[in-house]
Amino acid sequence: MSILDIKDLEIQFQTDDGCAKAVNKVNLSLEEGDTLGLVGETGAGKTTTALGIMRLISDPPGKYVGGEILFHGKNLLEISETEMRKIRGEQIAMIFQDPMTALNPVLRVDDQIAEVIRLHAKCSKKEALTRALKMLETVGIPASRGSDYPHQFSGGMKQRTVIAVSTILNPKVLIADEPSSALDVTSQKMVIKMMRELMEKGYIKSMLFITHELPLLYNVTDDIMVMYAGQIVEKGTAQEMVFDPVHPYSHGLMSSILVPEEGTRGHKLTAIPGTPPNLKKPPQGCRFAERCKYARPECRYSAIPEKDLGDGRMYRCLLGQDELKEVYSHE
């Protein structure tokens, strides 16, 4: 059963030199109990999609121009801000990108977690504080550190605190926006491991995990969607997307990094040339055409349909799946 359905979502930003179409007819479905990964380069529209779900797009300059965001069948774009505040944080929570700025520097850590509880649940200050300290220990921080301030924590501890704030109310949907991108490799592994454990313990029911590192999602998510220039260009299971991508952009992402499971011997790394298109003047045809070495003339002006491969897998390209696999095999 789908808990979150996004249908043809369009978000634009009006600027002095034009209108940027940041999210263009995005469709997304998150099943209850599942984890969905959303991957793409910086500027692909991942964070805008996440903020859109949370109804945190500032107007102006941002504006919802089409589509629906259905949570348990209710369109979040049609409810009042008062209703949305009751959902935001309690039923749909979000981990923001930078843990260094997500916490209030002048409030004790335990007070910041307890504040979330008191805003959404009827309980005493003492009870909220007790729950906050227990949650700190759940994310691997001793309760004795609860009286500390954020500046006394390392980057990894700050991120774990942000995760504690986001999961303390056991939200139905957790949106994790690059939760490990600002951390060192060791801290990244600890955060990813902890989030898997929180899902197993039931603190996280369903999760949308956003990152620009496709292989990172392999051990975290059930399915992966690849986003490019405001559009979803491919979707499949984590296994399919990491080891058998179809779309040229997905294939390029995997060719530009090392996959530990495959080893490194004889693996040639190749970069994706060029830069993403200007979303104020998006290409008429395929948005990836100017960077795609397999592009044909018609790719630059033809409408690019979504191709359904069955079992929930799709990609957006004029070239057929067998044709693409054939050219990949000769690289």
Protein backbone atom coordinates (compact mmCIF):
# COMPACT_ATOMS: atom_id res chain seq x y z
CA MET A 1 0.00 0.00 0.00
CA SER A 2 1.40 3.41 -0.99
CA ILE A 3 1.80 5.84 1.87
CA LEU A 4 3.15 8.69 -0.27
CA ASP A 5 2.26 9.31 -3.92
CA ILE A 6 3.57 12.20 -5.99
CA LYS A 7 1.82 12.71 -9.31
CA ASP A 8 3.10 15.04 -12.07
CA LEU A 9 4.65 17.45 -9.54
CA GLU A 10 5.93 20.71 -11.03
CA ILE A 11 7.84 23.33 -9.05
CA GLN A 12 9.28 26.50 -10.56
CA PHE A 13 11.34 29.41 -9.27
CA GLN A 14 10.88 32.90 -10.63
CA THR A 15 14.14 34.83 -10.86
CA ASP A 16 15.17 38.18 -12.31
CA ASP A 17 16.44 36.53 -15.49
CA GLY A 18 13.76 33.89 -16.03
CA CYS A 19 11.71 31.04 -14.64
CA ALA A 20 13.64 27.93 -13.57
CA LYS A 21 11.68 24.68 -13.98
CA ALA A 22 13.33 22.87 -11.07
CA VAL A 23 10.93 19.92 -10.83
CA ASN A 24 9.22 18.81 -14.02
CA LYS A 25 6.30 16.34 -13.84
CA VAL A 26 7.90 14.09 -11.24
CA ASN A 27 6.08 10.90 -10.27
CA LEU A 28 7.08 9.00 -7.15
CA SER A 29 5.47 6.32 -4.99
CA LEU A 30 6.67 5.19 -1.58
CA GLU A 31 5.22 1.99 -0.16
CA GLU A 32 4.61 1.60 3.55
CA GLY A 33 7.64 -0.06 5.14
CA ASP A 34 9.90 0.51 2.13
CA THR A 35 12.89 2.73 1.44
CA LEU A 36 13.22 4.62 -1.85
CA GLY A 37 16.46 6.22 -3.01
CA LEU A 38 16.59 9.42 -5.08
CA VAL A 39 19.95 10.08 -6.72
CA GLY A 40 21.36 12.72 -9.05
CA GLU A 41 23.92 15.49 -9.43
CA THR A 42 23.81 18.77 -7.55
CA GLY A 43 21.03 20.87 -9.06
CA ALA A 44 19.03 17.87 -10.30
CA GLY A 45 16.00 18.87 -8.22
CA LYS A 46 16.31 16.29 -5.41
CA THR A 47 16.22 18.72 -2.49
CA THR A 48 13.52 20.82 -4.16
CA THR A 49 11.38 17.67 -4.42
CA ALA A 50 11.98 16.92 -0.73
CA LEU A 51 11.16 20.48 0.36
CA GLY A 52 8.12 20.33 -1.90
CA ILE A 53 6.80 17.28 -0.04
CA MET A 54 7.28 19.12 3.26
CA ARG A 55 5.51 22.21 1.86
CA LEU A 56 8.63 24.29 2.58
CA ILE A 57 8.97 25.93 -0.84
CA SER A 58 9.09 29.69 -0.25
CA ASP A 59 6.61 31.69 -2.33
CA PRO A 60 8.10 33.84 -3.78
CA PRO A 61 10.32 32.85 -5.53
CA GLY A 62 9.15 29.22 -5.58
CA LYS A 63 5.75 28.07 -6.76
CA TYR A 64 3.85 24.81 -7.15
CA VAL A 65 2.48 24.93 -10.69
CA GLY A 66 1.03 21.45 -11.05
CA GLY A 67 0.61 17.97 -9.68
CA GLU A 68 -0.39 16.34 -6.40
CA ILE A 69 1.39 15.19 -3.24
CA LEU A 70 -0.81 12.50 -1.70
CA PHE A 71 -0.12 11.36 1.86
CA HIS A 72 -2.52 8.59 2.89
CA GLY A 73 -4.65 9.77 -0.04
CA LYS A 74 -4.81 13.41 1.15
CA ASN A 75 -3.38 16.06 -1.18
CA LEU A 76 -0.92 18.07 0.93
CA LEU A 77 -1.08 20.94 -1.55
CA GLU A 78 -4.75 21.51 -0.74
CA ILE A 79 -4.67 21.56 3.08
CA SER A 80 -4.12 24.61 5.29
CA GLU A 81 -0.76 25.51 6.81
CA THR A 82 -2.21 24.72 10.26
CA GLU A 83 -3.03 21.17 9.13
CA MET A 84 0.37 20.85 7.48
CA ARG A 85 2.16 21.83 10.70
CA LYS A 86 0.49 18.89 12.46
CA ILE A 87 1.79 16.52 9.77
CA ARG A 88 5.24 18.08 9.43
CA GLY A 89 7.63 16.61 11.98
CA GLU A 90 5.19 14.11 13.46
CA GLN A 91 4.05 12.11 10.42
CA ILE A 92 6.52 13.31 7.77
CA ALA A 93 9.95 14.32 9.07
CA MET A 94 13.08 15.48 7.29
CA ILE A 95 16.81 15.28 7.94
CA PHE A 96 18.39 18.32 6.31
CA GLN A 97 21.73 18.28 4.50
CA ASP A 98 24.01 20.18 6.87
CA PRO A 99 24.04 19.01 10.53
CA MET A 100 26.26 21.98 11.41
CA THR A 101 23.43 24.45 10.83
CA ALA A 102 20.39 22.24 11.60
CA LEU A 103 20.76 22.59 15.38
CA ASN A 104 20.21 25.71 17.48
CA PRO A 105 23.66 26.70 18.83
CA VAL A 106 22.32 28.29 22.04
CA LEU A 107 20.08 25.42 23.20
CA ARG A 108 21.20 22.25 24.95
CA VAL A 109 20.98 19.14 22.81
CA ASP A 110 18.47 17.34 25.06
CA ASP A 111 16.22 20.43 25.13
CA GLN A 112 16.13 20.53 21.31
CA ILE A 113 14.95 16.91 21.11
CA ALA A 114 12.47 17.39 23.98
CA GLU A 115 11.02 20.47 22.27
CA VAL A 116 9.88 18.34 19.32
CA ILE A 117 8.06 15.97 21.69
CA ARG A 118 6.31 18.77 23.57
CA LEU A 119 5.17 20.44 20.33
CA HIS A 120 3.36 17.32 19.13
CA ALA A 121 2.59 15.24 22.23
CA LYS A 122 0.83 16.09 25.49
CA CYS A 123 3.40 15.37 28.17
CA SER A 124 5.31 17.13 30.94
CA LYS A 125 8.69 18.75 30.43
CA LYS A 126 10.27 16.05 32.61
CA GLU A 127 8.73 13.22 30.57
CA ALA A 128 9.82 14.84 27.31
CA LEU A 129 13.37 15.20 28.61
CA THR A 130 13.45 11.55 29.70
CA ARG A 131 12.34 10.44 26.23
CA ALA A 132 14.92 12.77 24.64
CA LEU A 133 17.79 11.26 26.64
CA LYS A 134 16.64 7.74 25.80
CA MET A 135 16.60 8.65 22.11
CA LEU A 136 20.13 10.05 22.36
CA GLU A 137 21.32 6.70 23.67
CA THR A 138 19.44 4.94 20.85
CA VAL A 139 21.53 6.86 18.30
CA GLY A 140 24.75 6.07 20.15
CA ILE A 141 25.27 9.22 22.24
CA PRO A 142 25.55 8.85 26.06
CA ALA A 143 22.68 10.47 27.96
CA SER A 144 25.28 12.36 30.01
CA ARG A 145 26.09 14.42 26.88
CA GLY A 146 22.50 15.66 26.61
CA SER A 147 23.31 18.81 28.56
CA ASP A 148 26.03 19.74 26.05
CA TYR A 149 25.62 22.34 23.31
CA PRO A 150 26.00 21.54 19.59
CA HIS A 151 29.47 23.12 19.34
CA GLN A 152 30.72 20.51 21.82
CA PHE A 153 29.77 17.68 19.44
CA SER A 154 31.70 16.30 16.48
CA GLY A 155 30.16 16.38 13.00
CA GLY A 156 29.04 12.75 13.30
CA MET A 157 27.47 13.37 16.71
CA LYS A 158 25.64 16.42 15.38
CA GLN A 159 24.21 14.35 12.54
CA ARG A 160 23.11 11.61 14.93
CA THR A 161 21.42 14.27 17.04
CA VAL A 162 19.59 15.61 13.98
CA ILE A 163 18.47 12.05 13.21
CA ALA A 164 17.26 11.71 16.82
CA VAL A 165 15.23 14.93 16.44
CA SER A 166 13.71 13.65 13.18
CA THR A 167 12.83 10.14 14.40
CA ILE A 168 11.80 10.76 18.03
CA LEU A 169 8.10 10.75 17.05
CA ASN A 170 8.36 7.64 14.83
CA PRO A 171 7.24 9.42 11.63
CA LYS A 172 5.37 7.50 8.95
CA VAL A 173 7.77 8.92 6.34
CA LEU A 174 11.33 10.12 6.88
CA ILE A 175 13.02 12.19 4.17
CA ALA A 176 16.81 11.95 4.54
CA ASP A 177 18.44 14.62 2.38
CA GLU A 178 22.09 13.58 1.93
CA PRO A 179 22.44 12.77 5.66
CA SER A 180 26.08 11.72 5.33
CA SER A 181 27.44 14.10 2.68
CA ALA A 182 29.06 16.55 5.14
CA LEU A 183 30.83 13.79 7.10
CA ASP A 184 34.12 11.93 6.77
CA VAL A 185 34.07 8.36 5.43
CA THR A 186 34.11 6.71 8.87
CA SER A 187 31.25 8.87 10.15
CA GLN A 188 29.31 8.23 6.93
CA LYS A 189 29.44 4.48 7.48
CA MET A 190 28.33 4.89 11.11
CA VAL A 191 25.36 7.07 10.14
CA ILE A 192 24.22 4.70 7.37
CA LYS A 193 24.53 1.69 9.70
CA MET A 194 22.58 3.51 12.40
CA MET A 195 19.76 4.46 10.03
CA ARG A 196 19.40 0.82 8.95
CA GLU A 197 19.18 -0.16 12.62
CA LEU A 198 16.54 2.51 13.31
CA MET A 199 14.42 1.08 10.48
CA GLU A 200 14.80 -2.43 11.91
CA LYS A 201 13.73 -1.18 15.35
CA GLY A 202 10.68 0.60 13.93
CA TYR A 203 11.75 4.20 14.56
CA ILE A 204 11.61 4.80 10.80
CA LYS A 205 8.56 3.36 9.01
CA SER A 206 9.22 4.39 5.39
CA MET A 207 12.09 6.49 4.03
CA LEU A 208 13.00 8.60 1.01
CA PHE A 209 16.82 8.67 0.97
CA ILE A 210 18.41 11.40 -1.17
CA THR A 211 22.05 11.35 -2.27
CA HIS A 212 24.36 12.00 -5.22
CA GLU A 213 26.22 8.71 -4.62
CA LEU A 214 24.31 5.89 -6.33
CA PRO A 215 26.24 2.94 -4.77
CA LEU A 216 25.60 4.34 -1.28
CA LEU A 217 21.94 3.39 -1.73
CA TYR A 218 22.66 -0.26 -2.50
CA ASN A 219 22.59 -1.42 1.13
CA VAL A 220 20.04 1.16 2.31
CA THR A 221 17.12 1.24 -0.14
CA ASP A 222 14.73 -1.18 -1.84
CA ASP A 223 14.32 0.86 -5.03
CA ILE A 224 16.24 3.74 -6.63
CA MET A 225 15.10 6.60 -8.85
CA VAL A 226 17.64 8.63 -10.86
CA MET A 227 16.88 12.32 -11.32
CA TYR A 228 18.42 14.60 -13.93
CA ALA A 229 17.64 18.27 -14.63
CA GLY A 230 14.30 18.13 -12.82
CA GLN A 231 13.08 14.85 -14.34
CA ILE A 232 13.11 11.20 -13.28
CA VAL A 233 15.09 9.37 -15.97
CA GLU A 234 15.15 5.84 -14.55
CA LYS A 235 13.73 3.70 -11.78
CA GLY A 236 14.49 0.14 -10.68
CA THR A 237 15.45 -2.01 -7.73
CA ALA A 238 18.70 -1.19 -5.95
CA GLN A 239 20.28 -4.30 -7.47
CA GLU A 240 19.22 -3.31 -11.00
CA MET A 241 20.25 0.31 -10.71
CA VAL A 242 23.71 -0.36 -9.30
CA PHE A 243 24.68 -3.39 -11.40
CA ASP A 244 22.53 -3.06 -14.54
CA PRO A 245 21.55 0.59 -15.22
CA VAL A 246 19.79 1.26 -18.54
CA HIS A 247 19.64 5.04 -19.04
CA PRO A 248 22.90 6.59 -20.36
CA TYR A 249 23.00 9.00 -17.41
CA SER A 250 22.61 6.20 -14.85
CA HIS A 251 25.24 4.20 -16.72
CA GLY A 252 27.52 7.24 -16.66
CA LEU A 253 27.08 7.66 -12.90
CA MET A 254 28.11 4.06 -12.29
CA SER A 255 31.04 4.28 -14.72
CA SER A 256 32.45 7.30 -12.87
CA ILE A 257 32.79 5.57 -9.49
CA LEU A 258 34.08 2.35 -7.98
CA VAL A 259 31.69 -0.32 -6.72
CA PRO A 260 33.38 -2.15 -3.80
CA GLU A 261 31.47 -5.37 -4.51
CA GLU A 262 32.98 -5.52 -8.01
CA GLY A 263 36.53 -4.75 -6.93
CA THR A 264 38.87 -2.20 -8.50
CA ARG A 265 41.25 -4.26 -10.64
CA GLY A 266 40.82 -3.42 -14.32
CA HIS A 267 37.95 -1.02 -13.64
CA LYS A 268 38.26 2.05 -15.86
CA LEU A 269 36.68 5.21 -14.47
CA THR A 270 35.10 7.62 -16.94
CA ALA A 271 33.65 11.05 -16.21
CA ILE A 272 30.39 12.38 -17.64
CA PRO A 273 31.42 15.31 -19.88
CA GLY A 274 29.72 18.71 -19.80
CA THR A 275 27.35 20.23 -17.28
CA PRO A 276 23.58 20.02 -16.62
CA PRO A 277 21.37 22.29 -18.77
CA ASN A 278 20.09 25.69 -17.76
CA LEU A 279 16.65 25.00 -16.28
CA LYS A 280 15.52 28.50 -17.20
CA LYS A 281 15.83 27.42 -20.83
CA PRO A 282 15.59 23.61 -20.75
CA PRO A 283 16.27 21.66 -23.96
CA GLN A 284 13.30 20.88 -26.19
CA GLY A 285 14.09 17.17 -26.32
CA CYS A 286 16.16 15.00 -23.98
CA ARG A 287 17.72 17.06 -21.21
CA PHE A 288 20.77 14.79 -21.19
CA ALA A 289 21.33 14.84 -24.96
CA GLU A 290 24.17 17.40 -24.99
CA ARG A 291 26.21 15.23 -22.62
CA CYS A 292 25.22 11.83 -24.03
CA LYS A 293 27.67 10.11 -26.38
CA TYR A 294 24.88 7.91 -27.72
CA ALA A 295 22.55 10.81 -28.63
CA ARG A 296 21.03 11.04 -32.09
CA PRO A 297 19.85 14.24 -33.82
CA GLU A 298 16.21 13.51 -32.94
CA CYS A 299 17.08 13.28 -29.23
CA ARG A 300 17.55 17.05 -29.20
CA TYR A 301 14.06 17.96 -30.37
CA SER A 302 11.74 14.95 -29.89
CA ALA A 303 9.54 14.37 -26.85
CA ILE A 304 11.15 11.66 -24.72
CA PRO A 305 8.64 9.06 -23.48
CA GLU A 306 8.91 6.93 -20.36
CA LYS A 307 9.47 3.28 -21.26
CA ASP A 308 7.90 0.74 -18.91
CA LEU A 309 10.05 -2.38 -18.55
CA GLY A 310 7.64 -4.10 -16.15
CA ASP A 311 7.82 -4.83 -12.39
CA GLY A 312 8.01 -1.10 -11.66
CA ARG A 313 11.11 -0.49 -13.78
CA MET A 314 11.18 2.41 -16.24
CA TYR A 315 13.57 4.71 -18.07
CA ARG A 316 13.24 7.82 -20.25
CA CYS A 317 15.15 7.53 -23.55
CA LEU A 318 14.55 7.17 -27.30
CA LEU A 319 16.97 4.23 -27.52
CA GLY A 320 15.76 0.71 -26.75
CA GLN A 321 17.03 -1.30 -23.78
CA ASP A 322 18.73 -3.96 -25.94
CA GLU A 323 20.33 -1.27 -28.11
CA LEU A 324 21.79 0.49 -25.08
CA LYS A 325 23.10 -2.72 -23.53
CA GLU A 326 24.76 -3.58 -26.83
CA VAL A 327 26.73 -0.33 -26.96
CA TYR A 328 27.65 -0.60 -23.26
CA SER A 329 29.06 -4.09 -23.82
CA HIS A 330 31.58 -2.75 -26.34
CA GLU A 331 33.01 -0.04 -24.10
